[in-house]
């Protein structure tokens, strides 16, 4: 299997879980910092890392949009957008 194919497979394997994507990003970062991969492998790892980064940013943006702060007002629970909280 080619390195590019392996990289795509790893992204597909890690993408469903934010935590797995972060763990894979850490692995990629460590490998690149140690200078172990060949130039071609480093490019493939970088490409995989960028895809994972985009995935993680999208997941964080989605999570931020869903976060709501529940406030106690006049004896009733009110939901407000996260950005609207004091």
N, C-alpha and C. Protein backbone atom coordinates (compact mmCIF):
# COMPACT_ATOMS: atom_id res chain seq x y z
N UNK A 1 0.85 -1.18 0.00
CA UNK A 1 0.00 0.00 0.00
C UNK A 1 0.90 1.23 0.00
N UNK A 2 0.58 2.24 -0.79
CA UNK A 2 1.40 3.44 -0.86
C UNK A 2 1.21 4.28 0.39
N UNK A 3 2.19 5.14 0.66
CA UNK A 3 2.12 6.00 1.83
C UNK A 3 0.92 6.93 1.76
N UNK A 4 0.63 7.47 0.56
CA UNK A 4 -0.52 8.35 0.40
C UNK A 4 -1.81 7.62 0.72
N UNK A 5 -1.94 6.40 0.22
CA UNK A 5 -3.12 5.58 0.49
C UNK A 5 -3.22 5.30 1.99
N UNK A 6 -2.07 5.00 2.63
CA UNK A 6 -2.07 4.75 4.06
C UNK A 6 -2.52 5.99 4.82
N UNK A 7 -2.04 7.16 4.40
CA UNK A 7 -2.42 8.40 5.06
C UNK A 7 -3.92 8.64 4.95
N UNK A 8 -4.48 8.44 3.77
CA UNK A 8 -5.92 8.62 3.57
C UNK A 8 -6.70 7.64 4.44
N UNK A 9 -6.21 6.39 4.53
CA UNK A 9 -6.88 5.40 5.35
C UNK A 9 -6.84 5.81 6.82
N UNK A 10 -5.71 6.36 7.28
CA UNK A 10 -5.60 6.78 8.67
C UNK A 10 -6.54 7.92 8.97
N UNK A 11 -6.69 8.87 8.06
CA UNK A 11 -7.63 9.96 8.25
C UNK A 11 -9.04 9.41 8.35
N UNK A 12 -9.39 8.49 7.47
CA UNK A 12 -10.73 7.89 7.50
C UNK A 12 -10.94 7.13 8.81
N UNK A 13 -9.88 6.48 9.31
CA UNK A 13 -10.01 5.72 10.55
C UNK A 13 -10.15 6.63 11.77
N UNK A 14 -9.49 7.79 11.76
CA UNK A 14 -9.51 8.64 12.94
C UNK A 14 -10.58 9.71 12.91
N UNK A 15 -11.08 10.07 11.77
CA UNK A 15 -11.99 11.20 11.64
C UNK A 15 -13.26 11.09 12.48
N UNK A 16 -13.87 9.93 12.65
CA UNK A 16 -15.11 9.89 13.41
C UNK A 16 -14.99 10.31 14.87
N UNK A 17 -13.80 10.22 15.45
CA UNK A 17 -13.62 10.59 16.84
C UNK A 17 -12.67 11.78 16.94
N UNK A 18 -13.13 12.84 17.57
CA UNK A 18 -12.29 14.01 17.78
C UNK A 18 -11.04 13.64 18.56
N UNK A 19 -11.21 12.84 19.60
CA UNK A 19 -10.09 12.45 20.44
C UNK A 19 -9.06 11.62 19.66
N UNK A 20 -9.55 10.74 18.80
CA UNK A 20 -8.63 9.94 17.98
C UNK A 20 -7.90 10.82 16.98
N UNK A 21 -8.59 11.83 16.45
CA UNK A 21 -7.95 12.74 15.50
C UNK A 21 -6.85 13.54 16.19
N UNK A 22 -7.10 13.99 17.41
CA UNK A 22 -6.08 14.72 18.17
C UNK A 22 -4.89 13.81 18.47
N UNK A 23 -5.18 12.57 18.86
CA UNK A 23 -4.09 11.62 19.15
C UNK A 23 -3.25 11.38 17.90
N UNK A 24 -3.89 11.23 16.76
CA UNK A 24 -3.14 11.02 15.51
C UNK A 24 -2.32 12.25 15.15
N UNK A 25 -2.88 13.44 15.36
CA UNK A 25 -2.13 14.67 15.13
C UNK A 25 -0.87 14.71 16.00
N UNK A 26 -0.99 14.27 17.24
CA UNK A 26 0.17 14.22 18.13
C UNK A 26 1.21 13.24 17.61
N UNK A 27 0.75 12.08 17.12
CA UNK A 27 1.68 11.10 16.55
C UNK A 27 2.42 11.68 15.35
N UNK A 28 1.67 12.33 14.48
CA UNK A 28 2.26 12.94 13.28
C UNK A 28 3.28 13.99 13.68
N UNK A 29 2.91 14.84 14.62
CA UNK A 29 3.80 15.89 15.08
C UNK A 29 5.09 15.30 15.66
N UNK A 30 4.95 14.29 16.49
CA UNK A 30 6.12 13.65 17.09
C UNK A 30 7.04 13.07 16.02
N UNK A 31 6.46 12.37 15.05
CA UNK A 31 7.26 11.76 13.99
C UNK A 31 7.99 12.82 13.18
N UNK A 32 7.29 13.91 12.85
CA UNK A 32 7.92 14.98 12.08
C UNK A 32 9.01 15.69 12.88
N UNK A 33 8.78 15.89 14.17
CA UNK A 33 9.79 16.53 15.01
C UNK A 33 11.04 15.67 15.16
N UNK A 34 10.86 14.36 15.21
CA UNK A 34 12.01 13.45 15.33
C UNK A 34 12.77 13.34 14.02
N UNK A 35 12.14 13.75 12.93
CA UNK A 35 12.79 13.70 11.62
C UNK A 35 12.93 12.29 11.06
N UNK A 36 12.08 11.39 11.49
CA UNK A 36 12.16 9.99 11.07
C UNK A 36 11.71 9.75 9.63
N UNK A 37 10.63 10.36 9.19
CA UNK A 37 10.13 10.02 7.85
C UNK A 37 11.02 10.58 6.74
N UNK A 38 10.94 9.91 5.60
CA UNK A 38 11.59 10.44 4.41
C UNK A 38 10.85 11.70 4.00
N UNK A 39 11.40 12.41 3.05
CA UNK A 39 10.74 13.63 2.58
C UNK A 39 9.34 13.34 2.08
N UNK A 40 9.20 12.30 1.26
CA UNK A 40 7.88 11.96 0.72
C UNK A 40 6.91 11.56 1.83
N UNK A 41 7.38 10.79 2.79
CA UNK A 41 6.53 10.40 3.92
C UNK A 41 6.15 11.63 4.76
N UNK A 42 7.11 12.55 4.93
CA UNK A 42 6.84 13.77 5.69
C UNK A 42 5.75 14.59 5.01
N UNK A 43 5.80 14.68 3.69
CA UNK A 43 4.76 15.41 2.95
C UNK A 43 3.41 14.74 3.13
N UNK A 44 3.39 13.41 3.05
CA UNK A 44 2.13 12.68 3.25
C UNK A 44 1.60 12.88 4.67
N UNK A 45 2.49 12.83 5.66
CA UNK A 45 2.08 13.04 7.05
C UNK A 45 1.55 14.46 7.25
N UNK A 46 2.22 15.42 6.64
CA UNK A 46 1.77 16.81 6.73
C UNK A 46 0.37 16.96 6.13
N UNK A 47 0.17 16.34 4.97
CA UNK A 47 -1.15 16.39 4.31
C UNK A 47 -2.22 15.76 5.21
N UNK A 48 -1.90 14.61 5.76
CA UNK A 48 -2.84 13.95 6.67
C UNK A 48 -3.14 14.83 7.88
N UNK A 49 -2.10 15.43 8.42
CA UNK A 49 -2.26 16.31 9.57
C UNK A 49 -3.14 17.51 9.27
N UNK A 50 -2.98 18.08 8.09
CA UNK A 50 -3.80 19.23 7.72
C UNK A 50 -5.27 18.83 7.60
N UNK A 51 -5.53 17.65 7.05
CA UNK A 51 -6.91 17.16 6.95
C UNK A 51 -7.50 16.94 8.33
N UNK A 52 -6.70 16.38 9.22
CA UNK A 52 -7.16 16.16 10.59
C UNK A 52 -7.39 17.50 11.30
N UNK A 53 -6.54 18.46 11.05
CA UNK A 53 -6.69 19.78 11.64
C UNK A 53 -8.00 20.43 11.22
N UNK A 54 -8.30 20.35 9.94
CA UNK A 54 -9.57 20.89 9.43
C UNK A 54 -10.74 20.18 10.10
N UNK A 55 -10.67 18.85 10.18
CA UNK A 55 -11.72 18.07 10.83
C UNK A 55 -11.91 18.53 12.27
N UNK A 56 -10.80 18.67 13.02
CA UNK A 56 -10.89 19.06 14.42
C UNK A 56 -11.47 20.47 14.57
N UNK A 57 -11.04 21.39 13.72
CA UNK A 57 -11.58 22.75 13.78
C UNK A 57 -13.08 22.75 13.51
N UNK A 58 -13.51 21.95 12.53
CA UNK A 58 -14.94 21.87 12.23
C UNK A 58 -15.71 21.31 13.41
N UNK A 59 -15.17 20.26 14.03
CA UNK A 59 -15.84 19.67 15.20
C UNK A 59 -15.92 20.67 16.35
N UNK A 60 -14.86 21.43 16.59
CA UNK A 60 -14.87 22.42 17.66
C UNK A 60 -15.87 23.53 17.37
N UNK A 61 -15.94 23.95 16.12
CA UNK A 61 -16.91 24.98 15.74
C UNK A 61 -18.33 24.47 15.96
N UNK A 62 -18.58 23.23 15.57
CA UNK A 62 -19.92 22.64 15.79
C UNK A 62 -20.24 22.58 17.28
N UNK A 63 -19.27 22.15 18.07
CA UNK A 63 -19.49 22.03 19.51
C UNK A 63 -19.75 23.40 20.13
N UNK A 64 -18.99 24.39 19.71
CA UNK A 64 -19.18 25.74 20.24
C UNK A 64 -20.58 26.26 19.94
N UNK A 65 -21.08 25.97 18.75
CA UNK A 65 -22.43 26.40 18.37
C UNK A 65 -23.48 25.71 19.21
N UNK A 66 -23.20 24.47 19.65
CA UNK A 66 -24.20 23.72 20.41
C UNK A 66 -24.19 24.03 21.90
N UNK A 67 -23.08 24.60 22.34
CA UNK A 67 -22.97 24.88 23.78
C UNK A 67 -23.99 25.93 24.18
N UNK A 68 -24.73 25.61 25.19
CA UNK A 68 -25.69 26.58 25.71
C UNK A 68 -25.53 26.64 27.21
N UNK A 69 -25.67 27.83 27.72
CA UNK A 69 -25.58 28.03 29.16
C UNK A 69 -26.99 28.11 29.71
N UNK A 70 -27.23 27.33 30.73
CA UNK A 70 -28.56 27.35 31.34
C UNK A 70 -28.53 28.32 32.52
N UNK A 71 -29.38 29.27 32.45
CA UNK A 71 -29.45 30.31 33.48
C UNK A 71 -30.75 30.19 34.27
N UNK A 72 -30.64 30.50 35.52
CA UNK A 72 -31.82 30.52 36.38
C UNK A 72 -32.38 31.94 36.36
N UNK A 73 -33.59 32.13 35.79
CA UNK A 73 -34.22 33.44 35.74
C UNK A 73 -35.68 33.31 36.18
N UNK A 74 -36.04 34.08 37.15
CA UNK A 74 -37.43 34.12 37.61
C UNK A 74 -37.98 32.73 37.91
N UNK A 75 -37.15 31.87 38.49
CA UNK A 75 -37.59 30.54 38.84
C UNK A 75 -37.71 29.59 37.67
N UNK A 76 -37.39 30.04 36.48
CA UNK A 76 -37.47 29.18 35.29
C UNK A 76 -36.07 29.01 34.72
N UNK A 77 -35.84 27.87 34.15
CA UNK A 77 -34.57 27.64 33.47
C UNK A 77 -34.67 28.20 32.06
N UNK A 78 -33.71 29.01 31.69
CA UNK A 78 -33.69 29.61 30.37
C UNK A 78 -32.42 29.16 29.66
N UNK A 79 -32.53 28.88 28.40
CA UNK A 79 -31.37 28.54 27.61
C UNK A 79 -30.97 29.75 26.79
N UNK A 80 -29.68 30.05 26.81
CA UNK A 80 -29.16 31.13 26.00
C UNK A 80 -27.96 30.62 25.24
N UNK A 81 -27.69 31.22 24.10
CA UNK A 81 -26.50 30.85 23.36
C UNK A 81 -25.27 31.13 24.21
N UNK A 82 -24.24 30.35 23.99
CA UNK A 82 -22.99 30.48 24.75
C UNK A 82 -22.45 31.91 24.67
N UNK A 83 -22.50 32.51 23.48
CA UNK A 83 -21.97 33.87 23.29
C UNK A 83 -22.77 34.91 24.05
N UNK A 84 -24.01 34.62 24.39
CA UNK A 84 -24.86 35.60 25.07
C UNK A 84 -24.63 35.60 26.58
N UNK A 85 -23.91 34.62 27.10
CA UNK A 85 -23.68 34.53 28.54
C UNK A 85 -22.76 35.64 29.00
N UNK A 86 -22.98 36.14 30.23
CA UNK A 86 -22.14 37.23 30.77
C UNK A 86 -20.73 36.77 31.02
